[in-house]
Amino acid sequence: MKAFTEITSTFLPLDRSNVDTDAIIPQQYLKSVKRTGFGVNLFDNWRYKDPGVLGQDHSKRRLSDDFVLNKKQYQGAKILLARENFGCGSSREHAVWSILDYGFNVVIAPSFADIFRSNCYKNGLLPIALSTSEIDYLFEHVNTNPNYKCNINLDSQTITDENNKSFSFQIDEFRKYCLVNGFDEIDLTLQHEDKIKDYESKLKQTSPWLFSAK
């Protein structure tokens, strides 16, 4: 996966609590496991006026002008700002894939569903939990100025805005190590490739029947 170290960006303010994975990516789009192509269906039921189906040309669907994702002033934002319990619901990894595929690198909220948070780390999306007052501060500034930006530095674990207002956030050291290096679970396993090959070689000698063709 892509490594994450630092980003400076504007925000998309999704001022909703308890946003579940069905809202993030509806079930009809979950048949693919390619991890790409889901961005066009992010927040599908809120984003479009008409229901969507798998395989259709989504560029021809009618957009909901009232939904924040469709507003011109927030286009290009790489930080998704939300309220508490973001990512609740099912354990679908597609929810994280759709957020990443749309172009977001960070999600900031007061709290996240546990499985969603875990899926974020496994795919290179940084979930940051801040206090409610800190979230309120960010929403206030984004709503006042859509061009409001913050720098997010994973090394120092800080969020710093244009006024030099800074917040710190917590992250497990192992999760941080994986994000900074762009390591998913397969990458971590391959770090021990020599030991794995050595084990398999010895196993073939001691238990050759396990490798014999039927």
N, C-alpha and C. Protein backbone atom coordinates (compact mmCIF):
# COMPACT_ATOMS: atom_id res chain seq x y z
N MET A 1 0.84 -1.19 0.00
CA MET A 1 0.00 0.00 0.00
C MET A 1 0.88 1.25 0.00
N LYS A 2 0.28 2.39 -0.30
CA LYS A 2 1.02 3.64 -0.38
C LYS A 2 1.39 4.14 1.01
N ALA A 3 2.65 4.57 1.17
CA ALA A 3 3.11 5.07 2.47
C ALA A 3 2.48 6.42 2.77
N PHE A 4 2.30 6.69 4.06
CA PHE A 4 1.77 7.98 4.48
C PHE A 4 2.73 8.60 5.48
N THR A 5 3.12 9.84 5.23
CA THR A 5 3.99 10.56 6.16
C THR A 5 3.41 11.92 6.54
N GLU A 6 2.98 12.68 5.52
CA GLU A 6 2.52 14.04 5.78
C GLU A 6 1.61 14.51 4.65
N ILE A 7 0.66 15.36 4.98
CA ILE A 7 -0.22 15.91 3.96
C ILE A 7 -0.72 17.29 4.40
N THR A 8 -0.88 18.18 3.45
CA THR A 8 -1.52 19.47 3.68
C THR A 8 -2.69 19.58 2.73
N SER A 9 -3.87 19.79 3.27
CA SER A 9 -5.06 19.76 2.41
C SER A 9 -6.23 20.53 3.04
N THR A 10 -7.22 20.78 2.20
CA THR A 10 -8.50 21.29 2.66
C THR A 10 -9.35 20.12 3.16
N PHE A 11 -10.57 20.42 3.63
CA PHE A 11 -11.44 19.41 4.23
C PHE A 11 -12.74 19.25 3.45
N LEU A 12 -13.31 18.06 3.56
CA LEU A 12 -14.71 17.86 3.19
C LEU A 12 -15.47 17.69 4.51
N PRO A 13 -16.35 18.63 4.86
CA PRO A 13 -17.06 18.55 6.14
C PRO A 13 -18.36 17.74 6.03
N LEU A 14 -18.33 16.50 6.50
CA LEU A 14 -19.51 15.65 6.51
C LEU A 14 -20.08 15.71 7.93
N ASP A 15 -20.98 16.63 8.15
CA ASP A 15 -21.47 16.92 9.50
C ASP A 15 -22.60 15.96 9.88
N ARG A 16 -22.25 14.69 10.01
CA ARG A 16 -23.22 13.64 10.35
C ARG A 16 -22.59 12.67 11.34
N SER A 17 -23.40 12.20 12.27
CA SER A 17 -22.97 11.18 13.23
C SER A 17 -23.40 9.79 12.76
N ASN A 18 -22.73 8.77 13.26
CA ASN A 18 -23.12 7.37 13.02
C ASN A 18 -23.23 7.04 11.53
N VAL A 19 -22.30 7.51 10.74
CA VAL A 19 -22.27 7.18 9.32
C VAL A 19 -21.82 5.73 9.18
N ASP A 20 -22.73 4.87 8.72
CA ASP A 20 -22.39 3.45 8.66
C ASP A 20 -21.83 3.05 7.29
N THR A 21 -21.34 1.82 7.22
CA THR A 21 -20.68 1.37 6.00
C THR A 21 -21.66 1.21 4.84
N ASP A 22 -22.95 1.00 5.13
CA ASP A 22 -23.95 0.96 4.05
C ASP A 22 -24.09 2.32 3.39
N ALA A 23 -23.95 3.37 4.19
CA ALA A 23 -24.00 4.73 3.64
C ALA A 23 -22.72 5.06 2.88
N ILE A 24 -21.59 4.56 3.38
CA ILE A 24 -20.32 4.84 2.72
C ILE A 24 -20.26 4.17 1.36
N ILE A 25 -20.67 2.90 1.27
CA ILE A 25 -20.70 2.18 0.00
C ILE A 25 -21.82 1.14 0.06
N PRO A 26 -22.90 1.32 -0.71
CA PRO A 26 -24.04 0.40 -0.68
C PRO A 26 -23.67 -1.01 -1.12
N GLN A 27 -24.49 -1.96 -0.69
CA GLN A 27 -24.18 -3.38 -0.86
C GLN A 27 -24.10 -3.84 -2.31
N GLN A 28 -24.80 -3.18 -3.23
CA GLN A 28 -24.81 -3.66 -4.61
C GLN A 28 -23.46 -3.51 -5.31
N TYR A 29 -22.53 -2.77 -4.68
CA TYR A 29 -21.23 -2.56 -5.30
C TYR A 29 -20.11 -3.41 -4.67
N LEU A 30 -20.47 -4.39 -3.88
CA LEU A 30 -19.47 -5.12 -3.11
C LEU A 30 -18.96 -6.40 -3.77
N LYS A 31 -19.29 -6.63 -5.01
CA LYS A 31 -18.92 -7.89 -5.66
C LYS A 31 -17.46 -7.93 -6.10
N SER A 32 -16.86 -6.78 -6.30
CA SER A 32 -15.46 -6.74 -6.73
C SER A 32 -14.53 -6.72 -5.52
N VAL A 33 -13.35 -7.32 -5.67
CA VAL A 33 -12.34 -7.29 -4.62
C VAL A 33 -11.04 -6.66 -5.14
N LYS A 34 -11.14 -5.82 -6.14
CA LYS A 34 -9.97 -5.22 -6.76
C LYS A 34 -9.44 -4.00 -6.01
N ARG A 35 -10.21 -3.49 -5.06
CA ARG A 35 -9.84 -2.33 -4.24
C ARG A 35 -9.87 -1.01 -5.01
N THR A 36 -10.18 -1.05 -6.28
CA THR A 36 -10.25 0.18 -7.08
C THR A 36 -11.61 0.27 -7.77
N GLY A 37 -11.95 1.48 -8.20
CA GLY A 37 -13.19 1.69 -8.93
C GLY A 37 -14.40 1.98 -8.04
N PHE A 38 -14.18 2.12 -6.73
CA PHE A 38 -15.29 2.33 -5.81
C PHE A 38 -15.55 3.80 -5.50
N GLY A 39 -14.61 4.67 -5.86
CA GLY A 39 -14.74 6.08 -5.52
C GLY A 39 -15.99 6.73 -6.09
N VAL A 40 -16.40 6.31 -7.26
CA VAL A 40 -17.57 6.90 -7.90
C VAL A 40 -18.86 6.57 -7.16
N ASN A 41 -18.81 5.57 -6.28
CA ASN A 41 -19.99 5.17 -5.52
C ASN A 41 -19.89 5.50 -4.03
N LEU A 42 -18.88 6.30 -3.66
CA LEU A 42 -18.76 6.75 -2.27
C LEU A 42 -19.99 7.58 -1.89
N PHE A 43 -20.62 7.22 -0.78
CA PHE A 43 -21.85 7.89 -0.30
C PHE A 43 -22.93 7.91 -1.40
N ASP A 44 -23.04 6.81 -2.10
CA ASP A 44 -23.88 6.73 -3.30
C ASP A 44 -25.33 7.18 -3.08
N ASN A 45 -25.94 6.73 -2.00
CA ASN A 45 -27.36 7.04 -1.78
C ASN A 45 -27.60 8.51 -1.47
N TRP A 46 -26.59 9.19 -0.94
CA TRP A 46 -26.71 10.62 -0.65
C TRP A 46 -26.22 11.46 -1.83
N ARG A 47 -25.34 10.90 -2.59
CA ARG A 47 -24.65 11.63 -3.64
C ARG A 47 -25.50 11.81 -4.91
N TYR A 48 -26.33 10.79 -5.19
CA TYR A 48 -27.13 10.81 -6.42
C TYR A 48 -28.63 10.86 -6.10
N LYS A 49 -29.39 11.40 -7.01
CA LYS A 49 -30.84 11.50 -6.84
C LYS A 49 -31.56 10.21 -7.20
N ASP A 50 -30.93 9.41 -8.06
CA ASP A 50 -31.56 8.17 -8.50
C ASP A 50 -30.75 6.97 -8.03
N PRO A 51 -31.40 5.83 -7.80
CA PRO A 51 -30.69 4.63 -7.33
C PRO A 51 -29.66 4.15 -8.35
N GLY A 52 -28.58 3.59 -7.85
CA GLY A 52 -27.53 3.10 -8.74
C GLY A 52 -27.46 1.59 -8.75
N VAL A 53 -26.96 1.05 -9.86
CA VAL A 53 -26.77 -0.40 -9.98
C VAL A 53 -25.35 -0.66 -10.45
N LEU A 54 -24.87 -1.85 -10.18
CA LEU A 54 -23.52 -2.24 -10.55
C LEU A 54 -23.36 -2.22 -12.07
N GLY A 55 -22.30 -1.60 -12.54
CA GLY A 55 -21.95 -1.63 -13.96
C GLY A 55 -22.51 -0.49 -14.80
N GLN A 56 -23.33 0.36 -14.22
CA GLN A 56 -23.91 1.44 -15.02
C GLN A 56 -22.93 2.60 -15.17
N ASP A 57 -23.22 3.50 -16.10
CA ASP A 57 -22.41 4.69 -16.31
C ASP A 57 -22.86 5.74 -15.30
N HIS A 58 -22.13 5.88 -14.22
CA HIS A 58 -22.53 6.77 -13.13
C HIS A 58 -22.41 8.25 -13.51
N SER A 59 -21.65 8.55 -14.55
CA SER A 59 -21.50 9.94 -14.98
C SER A 59 -22.81 10.50 -15.52
N LYS A 60 -23.75 9.63 -15.87
CA LYS A 60 -25.04 10.07 -16.41
C LYS A 60 -26.13 10.18 -15.33
N ARG A 61 -25.78 9.85 -14.10
CA ARG A 61 -26.77 9.93 -13.02
C ARG A 61 -26.91 11.38 -12.53
N ARG A 62 -28.05 11.68 -11.98
CA ARG A 62 -28.32 13.04 -11.48
C ARG A 62 -27.73 13.22 -10.09
N LEU A 63 -26.92 14.26 -9.93
CA LEU A 63 -26.29 14.54 -8.66
C LEU A 63 -27.22 15.31 -7.73
N SER A 64 -27.09 15.06 -6.43
CA SER A 64 -27.83 15.80 -5.43
C SER A 64 -27.03 17.05 -5.07
N ASP A 65 -27.53 18.21 -5.48
CA ASP A 65 -26.79 19.46 -5.29
C ASP A 65 -26.59 19.81 -3.82
N ASP A 66 -27.45 19.30 -2.96
CA ASP A 66 -27.37 19.64 -1.54
C ASP A 66 -26.31 18.84 -0.79
N PHE A 67 -25.85 17.73 -1.36
CA PHE A 67 -24.90 16.90 -0.64
C PHE A 67 -23.50 17.48 -0.75
N VAL A 68 -22.79 17.52 0.38
CA VAL A 68 -21.52 18.22 0.48
C VAL A 68 -20.47 17.69 -0.50
N LEU A 69 -20.48 16.42 -0.80
CA LEU A 69 -19.48 15.85 -1.70
C LEU A 69 -19.58 16.44 -3.11
N ASN A 70 -20.76 16.93 -3.46
CA ASN A 70 -20.98 17.46 -4.81
C ASN A 70 -20.78 18.97 -4.90
N LYS A 71 -20.49 19.62 -3.78
CA LYS A 71 -20.32 21.07 -3.79
C LYS A 71 -18.93 21.46 -4.29
N LYS A 72 -18.92 22.41 -5.21
CA LYS A 72 -17.69 22.79 -5.90
C LYS A 72 -16.59 23.25 -4.95
N GLN A 73 -16.98 23.96 -3.89
CA GLN A 73 -15.97 24.54 -3.00
C GLN A 73 -15.16 23.52 -2.22
N TYR A 74 -15.65 22.27 -2.19
CA TYR A 74 -14.94 21.25 -1.43
C TYR A 74 -14.21 20.23 -2.31
N GLN A 75 -14.24 20.46 -3.61
CA GLN A 75 -13.58 19.53 -4.52
C GLN A 75 -12.06 19.55 -4.30
N GLY A 76 -11.46 18.39 -4.34
CA GLY A 76 -10.00 18.29 -4.18
C GLY A 76 -9.55 18.07 -2.74
N ALA A 77 -10.49 18.10 -1.80
CA ALA A 77 -10.12 17.88 -0.41
C ALA A 77 -9.63 16.44 -0.21
N LYS A 78 -8.60 16.29 0.59
CA LYS A 78 -8.07 14.97 0.88
C LYS A 78 -8.28 14.55 2.34
N ILE A 79 -8.93 15.45 3.11
CA ILE A 79 -9.23 15.15 4.51
C ILE A 79 -10.74 15.14 4.69
N LEU A 80 -11.28 14.02 5.15
CA LEU A 80 -12.71 13.87 5.40
C LEU A 80 -12.95 14.12 6.89
N LEU A 81 -13.78 15.12 7.19
CA LEU A 81 -14.10 15.50 8.56
C LEU A 81 -15.51 15.04 8.89
N ALA A 82 -15.66 14.28 9.97
CA ALA A 82 -16.98 13.72 10.29
C ALA A 82 -17.23 13.78 11.79
N ARG A 83 -18.39 13.26 12.19
CA ARG A 83 -18.78 13.24 13.60
C ARG A 83 -18.57 11.84 14.20
N GLU A 84 -19.10 11.63 15.40
CA GLU A 84 -18.78 10.43 16.16
C GLU A 84 -19.31 9.14 15.53
N ASN A 85 -18.62 8.04 15.88
CA ASN A 85 -18.99 6.69 15.47
C ASN A 85 -18.98 6.51 13.95
N PHE A 86 -18.00 7.09 13.31
CA PHE A 86 -17.89 6.97 11.86
C PHE A 86 -17.48 5.55 11.49
N GLY A 87 -18.12 5.00 10.46
CA GLY A 87 -17.78 3.67 9.96
C GLY A 87 -18.43 2.53 10.72
N CYS A 88 -19.53 2.82 11.42
CA CYS A 88 -20.23 1.75 12.13
C CYS A 88 -20.96 0.85 11.11
N GLY A 89 -21.51 -0.26 11.60
CA GLY A 89 -22.23 -1.17 10.70
C GLY A 89 -21.45 -2.43 10.42
N SER A 90 -21.43 -2.86 9.17
CA SER A 90 -20.79 -4.12 8.81
C SER A 90 -19.28 -3.97 8.74
N SER A 91 -18.59 -5.09 8.52
CA SER A 91 -17.13 -5.09 8.51
C SER A 91 -16.55 -4.92 7.11
N ARG A 92 -17.36 -4.55 6.14
CA ARG A 92 -16.91 -4.50 4.75
C ARG A 92 -15.69 -3.59 4.57
N GLU A 93 -14.65 -4.13 3.98
CA GLU A 93 -13.44 -3.38 3.71
C GLU A 93 -13.64 -2.41 2.55
N HIS A 94 -14.67 -2.65 1.77
CA HIS A 94 -14.98 -1.78 0.62
C HIS A 94 -15.23 -0.33 1.05
N ALA A 95 -15.69 -0.14 2.28
CA ALA A 95 -15.94 1.22 2.76
C ALA A 95 -14.65 2.03 2.75
N VAL A 96 -13.58 1.44 3.22
CA VAL A 96 -12.28 2.11 3.21
C VAL A 96 -11.77 2.26 1.78
N TRP A 97 -11.94 1.22 0.97
CA TRP A 97 -11.50 1.30 -0.43
C TRP A 97 -12.17 2.46 -1.17
N SER A 98 -13.46 2.66 -0.93
CA SER A 98 -14.17 3.73 -1.64
C SER A 98 -13.69 5.11 -1.21
N ILE A 99 -13.38 5.27 0.08
CA ILE A 99 -12.87 6.55 0.57
C ILE A 99 -11.50 6.85 -0.03
N LEU A 100 -10.64 5.85 -0.05
CA LEU A 100 -9.31 6.02 -0.64
C LEU A 100 -9.40 6.25 -2.15
N ASP A 101 -10.24 5.48 -2.82
CA ASP A 101 -10.34 5.58 -4.27
C ASP A 101 -10.90 6.93 -4.71
N TYR A 102 -11.73 7.54 -3.87
CA TYR A 102 -12.23 8.88 -4.19
C TYR A 102 -11.12 9.92 -4.11
N GLY A 103 -10.16 9.70 -3.21
CA GLY A 103 -9.04 10.62 -3.09
C GLY A 103 -8.72 11.11 -1.69
N PHE A 104 -9.42 10.58 -0.69
CA PHE A 104 -9.14 10.97 0.69
C PHE A 104 -7.97 10.15 1.24
N ASN A 105 -7.14 10.81 2.04
CA ASN A 105 -6.03 10.13 2.71
C ASN A 105 -6.21 10.03 4.22
N VAL A 106 -7.10 10.89 4.75
CA VAL A 106 -7.28 10.99 6.19
C VAL A 106 -8.77 11.14 6.50
N VAL A 107 -9.22 10.50 7.58
CA VAL A 107 -10.56 10.73 8.12
C VAL A 107 -10.40 11.18 9.56
N ILE A 108 -11.01 12.31 9.90
CA ILE A 108 -10.94 12.84 11.26
C ILE A 108 -12.34 12.84 11.86
N ALA A 109 -12.48 12.27 13.04
CA ALA A 109 -13.78 12.20 13.72
C ALA A 109 -13.52 12.01 15.22
N PRO A 110 -14.54 12.22 16.05
CA PRO A 110 -14.36 11.99 17.48
C PRO A 110 -14.15 10.51 17.82
N SER A 111 -14.77 9.62 17.03
CA SER A 111 -14.64 8.19 17.29
C SER A 111 -14.96 7.41 16.03
N PHE A 112 -14.45 6.17 15.98
CA PHE A 112 -14.65 5.28 14.84
C PHE A 112 -15.11 3.91 15.33
N ALA A 113 -15.85 3.21 14.48
CA ALA A 113 -16.14 1.81 14.76
C ALA A 113 -14.83 1.03 14.71
N ASP A 114 -14.66 0.07 15.60
CA ASP A 114 -13.38 -0.63 15.74
C ASP A 114 -12.93 -1.33 14.46
N ILE A 115 -13.85 -2.05 13.81
CA ILE A 115 -13.47 -2.80 12.60
C ILE A 115 -13.12 -1.83 11.48
N PHE A 116 -13.88 -0.75 11.35
CA PHE A 116 -13.58 0.24 10.32
C PHE A 116 -12.19 0.83 10.55
N ARG A 117 -11.87 1.18 11.79
CA ARG A 117 -10.55 1.73 12.09
C ARG A 117 -9.45 0.74 11.71
N SER A 118 -9.65 -0.53 12.04
CA SER A 118 -8.66 -1.54 11.70
C SER A 118 -8.49 -1.65 10.19
N ASN A 119 -9.58 -1.60 9.45
CA ASN A 119 -9.52 -1.66 7.99
C ASN A 119 -8.80 -0.46 7.40
N CYS A 120 -8.95 0.69 8.05
CA CYS A 120 -8.23 1.89 7.61
C CYS A 120 -6.73 1.65 7.63
N TYR A 121 -6.24 1.18 8.75
CA TYR A 121 -4.81 0.96 8.90
C TYR A 121 -4.29 -0.08 7.90
N LYS A 122 -5.09 -1.11 7.63
CA LYS A 122 -4.67 -2.18 6.73
C LYS A 122 -4.57 -1.71 5.28
N ASN A 123 -5.20 -0.58 4.97
CA ASN A 123 -5.24 -0.12 3.58
C ASN A 123 -4.59 1.23 3.35
N GLY A 124 -4.00 1.82 4.39
CA GLY A 124 -3.28 3.07 4.21
C GLY A 124 -4.09 4.34 4.39
N LEU A 125 -5.27 4.22 4.99
CA LEU A 125 -6.09 5.39 5.30
C LEU A 125 -5.87 5.74 6.77
N LEU A 126 -5.51 6.98 7.06
CA LEU A 126 -5.21 7.38 8.44
C LEU A 126 -6.48 7.86 9.15
N PRO A 127 -6.95 7.13 10.18
CA PRO A 127 -8.08 7.59 10.98
C PRO A 127 -7.58 8.34 12.21
N ILE A 128 -8.01 9.57 12.38
CA ILE A 128 -7.57 10.38 13.51
C ILE A 128 -8.76 10.71 14.40
N ALA A 129 -8.65 10.37 15.67
CA ALA A 129 -9.70 10.68 16.63
C ALA A 129 -9.29 11.90 17.44
N LEU A 130 -10.15 12.93 17.42
CA LEU A 130 -9.94 14.14 18.21
C LEU A 130 -11.11 14.32 19.17
N SER A 131 -10.96 15.19 20.12
CA SER A 131 -12.05 15.49 21.05
C SER A 131 -13.18 16.21 20.32
N THR A 132 -14.35 16.20 20.91
CA THR A 132 -15.51 16.87 20.30
C THR A 132 -15.25 18.36 20.13
N SER A 133 -14.61 18.98 21.10
CA SER A 133 -14.33 20.42 21.00
C SER A 133 -13.35 20.71 19.87
N GLU A 134 -12.38 19.83 19.66
CA GLU A 134 -11.43 20.02 18.56
C GLU A 134 -12.11 19.82 17.21
N ILE A 135 -13.01 18.84 17.15
CA ILE A 135 -13.78 18.63 15.92
C ILE A 135 -14.67 19.83 15.63
N ASP A 136 -15.29 20.37 16.67
CA ASP A 136 -16.13 21.57 16.51
C ASP A 136 -15.32 22.73 15.96
N TYR A 137 -14.09 22.88 16.46
CA TYR A 137 -13.20 23.95 15.99
C TYR A 137 -12.95 23.80 14.49
N LEU A 138 -12.66 22.59 14.05
CA LEU A 138 -12.38 22.36 12.64
C LEU A 138 -13.62 22.61 11.77
N PHE A 139 -14.77 22.11 12.21
CA PHE A 139 -15.99 22.34 11.45
C PHE A 139 -16.29 23.84 11.33
N GLU A 140 -16.10 24.56 12.41
CA GLU A 140 -16.37 26.00 12.40
C GLU A 140 -15.51 26.71 11.36
N HIS A 141 -14.24 26.35 11.31
CA HIS A 141 -13.33 27.03 10.38
C HIS A 141 -13.56 26.59 8.94
N VAL A 142 -13.87 25.31 8.72
CA VAL A 142 -14.15 24.83 7.36
C VAL A 142 -15.44 25.45 6.83
N ASN A 143 -16.46 25.52 7.67
CA ASN A 143 -17.74 26.10 7.24
C ASN A 143 -17.62 27.59 6.95
N THR A 144 -16.71 28.25 7.64
CA THR A 144 -16.48 29.68 7.41
C THR A 144 -15.64 29.91 6.17
N ASN A 145 -14.68 29.02 5.96
CA ASN A 145 -13.74 29.16 4.85
C ASN A 145 -13.46 27.80 4.22
N PRO A 146 -14.09 27.49 3.10
CA PRO A 146 -13.87 26.19 2.43
C PRO A 146 -12.42 25.94 2.02
N ASN A 147 -11.62 27.01 1.93
CA ASN A 147 -10.21 26.88 1.57
C ASN A 147 -9.30 26.68 2.78
N TYR A 148 -9.91 26.55 3.94
CA TYR A 148 -9.16 26.32 5.18
C TYR A 148 -8.36 25.02 5.07
N LYS A 149 -7.07 25.10 5.40
CA LYS A 149 -6.19 23.95 5.27
C LYS A 149 -5.51 23.61 6.59
N CYS A 150 -5.12 22.34 6.70
CA CYS A 150 -4.31 21.88 7.82
C CYS A 150 -3.19 20.99 7.30
N ASN A 151 -2.10 21.00 8.03
CA ASN A 151 -1.01 20.07 7.77
C ASN A 151 -1.11 18.94 8.78
N ILE A 152 -1.09 17.71 8.29
CA ILE A 152 -1.12 16.54 9.16
C ILE A 152 0.22 15.82 9.03
N ASN A 153 0.93 15.74 10.14
CA ASN A 153 2.26 15.14 10.16
C ASN A 153 2.20 13.89 11.03
N LEU A 154 2.39 12.73 10.41
CA LEU A 154 2.29 11.47 11.15
C LEU A 154 3.49 11.26 12.06
N ASP A 155 4.65 11.74 11.66
CA ASP A 155 5.85 11.56 12.47
C ASP A 155 5.69 12.26 13.83
N SER A 156 5.23 13.51 13.81
CA SER A 156 5.05 14.27 15.05
C SER A 156 3.67 14.07 15.66
N GLN A 157 2.78 13.41 14.90
CA GLN A 157 1.40 13.15 15.33
C GLN A 157 0.68 14.45 15.67
N THR A 158 0.77 15.39 14.73
CA THR A 158 0.16 16.71 14.93
C THR A 158 -0.68 17.13 13.74
N ILE A 159 -1.68 17.96 14.02
CA ILE A 159 -2.49 18.63 13.01
C ILE A 159 -2.32 20.12 13.25
N THR A 160 -1.82 20.85 12.25
CA THR A 160 -1.55 22.27 12.41
C THR A 160 -2.24 23.05 11.32
N ASP A 161 -3.01 24.07 11.70
CA ASP A 161 -3.73 24.84 10.69
C ASP A 161 -2.97 26.10 10.30
N GLU A 162 -3.59 26.92 9.46
CA GLU A 162 -2.95 28.12 8.91
C GLU A 162 -2.70 29.19 9.96
N ASN A 163 -3.39 29.07 11.10
CA ASN A 163 -3.22 30.02 12.19
C ASN A 163 -2.25 29.52 13.25
N ASN A 164 -1.54 28.43 12.92
CA ASN A 164 -0.61 27.77 13.84
C ASN A 164 -1.29 27.17 15.05
N LYS A 165 -2.59 26.95 14.95
CA LYS A 165 -3.31 26.19 15.96
C LYS A 165 -2.99 24.73 15.74
N SER A 166 -2.59 24.04 16.81
CA SER A 166 -2.13 22.66 16.64
C SER A 166 -2.85 21.71 17.58
N PHE A 167 -3.16 20.52 17.06
CA PHE A 167 -3.73 19.44 17.86
C PHE A 167 -2.81 18.23 17.75
N SER A 168 -2.73 17.47 18.80
CA SER A 168 -1.98 16.22 18.75
C SER A 168 -2.95 15.05 18.71
N PHE A 169 -2.51 13.94 18.13
CA PHE A 169 -3.36 12.76 18.09
C PHE A 169 -2.54 11.53 18.42
N GLN A 170 -3.23 10.49 18.85
CA GLN A 170 -2.59 9.26 19.29
C GLN A 170 -2.69 8.18 18.20
N ILE A 171 -1.67 7.37 18.11
CA ILE A 171 -1.69 6.24 17.20
C ILE A 171 -0.75 5.17 17.75
N ASP A 172 -1.15 3.93 17.66
CA ASP A 172 -0.32 2.81 18.08
C ASP A 172 0.98 2.80 17.27
N GLU A 173 2.08 2.54 17.95
CA GLU A 173 3.39 2.59 17.29
C GLU A 173 3.51 1.61 16.13
N PHE A 174 2.93 0.43 16.28
CA PHE A 174 2.98 -0.55 15.20
C PHE A 174 2.19 -0.06 13.99
N ARG A 175 0.99 0.50 14.24
CA ARG A 175 0.19 1.05 13.14
C ARG A 175 0.93 2.19 12.44
N LYS A 176 1.56 3.01 13.23
CA LYS A 176 2.32 4.14 12.68
C LYS A 176 3.47 3.63 11.81
N TYR A 177 4.18 2.62 12.30
CA TYR A 177 5.28 2.02 11.55
C TYR A 177 4.81 1.51 10.18
N CYS A 178 3.66 0.84 10.18
CA CYS A 178 3.12 0.29 8.94
C CYS A 178 2.73 1.40 7.96
N LEU A 179 2.07 2.44 8.44
CA LEU A 179 1.64 3.53 7.57
C LEU A 179 2.84 4.28 6.98
N VAL A 180 3.81 4.60 7.82
CA VAL A 180 4.98 5.35 7.36
C VAL A 180 5.75 4.59 6.29
N ASN A 181 5.79 3.26 6.44
CA ASN A 181 6.54 2.43 5.49
C ASN A 181 5.68 1.86 4.36
N GLY A 182 4.37 2.06 4.44
CA GLY A 182 3.49 1.53 3.41
C GLY A 182 3.37 0.02 3.46
N PHE A 183 3.40 -0.54 4.67
CA PHE A 183 3.35 -1.99 4.84
C PHE A 183 1.93 -2.46 5.17
N ASP A 184 1.38 -3.33 4.34
CA ASP A 184 0.16 -4.04 4.73
C ASP A 184 0.57 -5.39 5.31
N GLU A 185 -0.39 -6.26 5.59
CA GLU A 185 -0.06 -7.53 6.24
C GLU A 185 0.78 -8.44 5.35
N ILE A 186 0.58 -8.36 4.04
CA ILE A 186 1.39 -9.16 3.11
C ILE A 186 2.83 -8.66 3.10
N ASP A 187 3.00 -7.33 3.08
CA ASP A 187 4.35 -6.76 3.10
C ASP A 187 5.09 -7.17 4.37
N LEU A 188 4.38 -7.16 5.50
CA LEU A 188 5.00 -7.56 6.77
C LEU A 188 5.45 -9.02 6.72
N THR A 189 4.62 -9.86 6.12
CA THR A 189 4.96 -11.28 6.00
C THR A 189 6.18 -11.48 5.11
N LEU A 190 6.24 -10.73 4.00
CA LEU A 190 7.34 -10.88 3.05
C LEU A 190 8.69 -10.41 3.61
N GLN A 191 8.65 -9.66 4.71
CA GLN A 191 9.90 -9.29 5.36
C GLN A 191 10.62 -10.51 5.91
N HIS A 192 9.88 -11.58 6.08
CA HIS A 192 10.45 -12.83 6.60
C HIS A 192 10.51 -13.90 5.51
N GLU A 193 10.61 -13.45 4.27
CA GLU A 193 10.57 -14.38 3.13
C GLU A 193 11.68 -15.42 3.20
N ASP A 194 12.89 -15.01 3.59
CA ASP A 194 14.02 -15.96 3.65
C ASP A 194 13.74 -17.06 4.67
N LYS A 195 13.19 -16.68 5.82
CA LYS A 195 12.89 -17.66 6.87
C LYS A 195 11.77 -18.60 6.42
N ILE A 196 10.80 -18.06 5.68
CA ILE A 196 9.69 -18.88 5.19
C ILE A 196 10.20 -19.91 4.18
N LYS A 197 11.06 -19.47 3.28
CA LYS A 197 11.63 -20.38 2.28
C LYS A 197 12.49 -21.45 2.95
N ASP A 198 13.24 -21.05 3.95
CA ASP A 198 14.08 -22.01 4.67
C ASP A 198 13.24 -23.05 5.39
N TYR A 199 12.15 -22.62 5.99
CA TYR A 199 11.24 -23.55 6.67
C TYR A 199 10.62 -24.53 5.68
N GLU A 200 10.18 -24.02 4.53
CA GLU A 200 9.56 -24.89 3.53
C GLU A 200 10.56 -25.91 2.98
N SER A 201 11.80 -25.45 2.82
CA SER A 201 12.84 -26.36 2.32
C SER A 201 13.09 -27.51 3.30
N LYS A 202 13.15 -27.18 4.58
CA LYS A 202 13.37 -28.21 5.60
C LYS A 202 12.15 -29.13 5.71
N LEU A 203 10.96 -28.54 5.56
CA LEU A 203 9.74 -29.34 5.66
C LEU A 203 9.66 -30.36 4.52
N LYS A 204 10.13 -29.97 3.34
CA LYS A 204 10.11 -30.90 2.20
C LYS A 204 11.03 -32.10 2.46
N GLN A 205 12.09 -31.87 3.23
CA GLN A 205 13.01 -32.96 3.52
C GLN A 205 12.46 -33.89 4.61
N THR A 206 11.82 -33.30 5.61
CA THR A 206 11.32 -34.10 6.74
C THR A 206 9.94 -34.69 6.49
N SER A 207 9.16 -34.01 5.63
CA SER A 207 7.78 -34.49 5.36
C SER A 207 7.48 -34.39 3.88
N PRO A 208 8.21 -35.15 3.05
CA PRO A 208 8.06 -35.03 1.59
C PRO A 208 6.67 -35.38 1.08
N TRP A 209 5.93 -36.21 1.84
CA TRP A 209 4.59 -36.61 1.40
C TRP A 209 3.62 -35.44 1.35
N LEU A 210 3.93 -34.37 2.06
CA LEU A 210 3.04 -33.21 2.05
C LEU A 210 3.09 -32.49 0.70
N PHE A 211 4.17 -32.73 -0.05
CA PHE A 211 4.37 -32.01 -1.30
C PHE A 211 4.26 -32.90 -2.52
N SER A 212 3.96 -34.16 -2.31
CA SER A 212 3.84 -35.08 -3.44
C SER A 212 2.55 -34.85 -4.20
N ALA A 213 2.62 -34.99 -5.52
CA ALA A 213 1.44 -34.79 -6.37
C ALA A 213 0.48 -35.97 -6.20
N LYS A 214 -0.81 -35.66 -6.24
CA LYS A 214 -1.82 -36.72 -6.12
C LYS A 214 -1.95 -37.49 -7.44
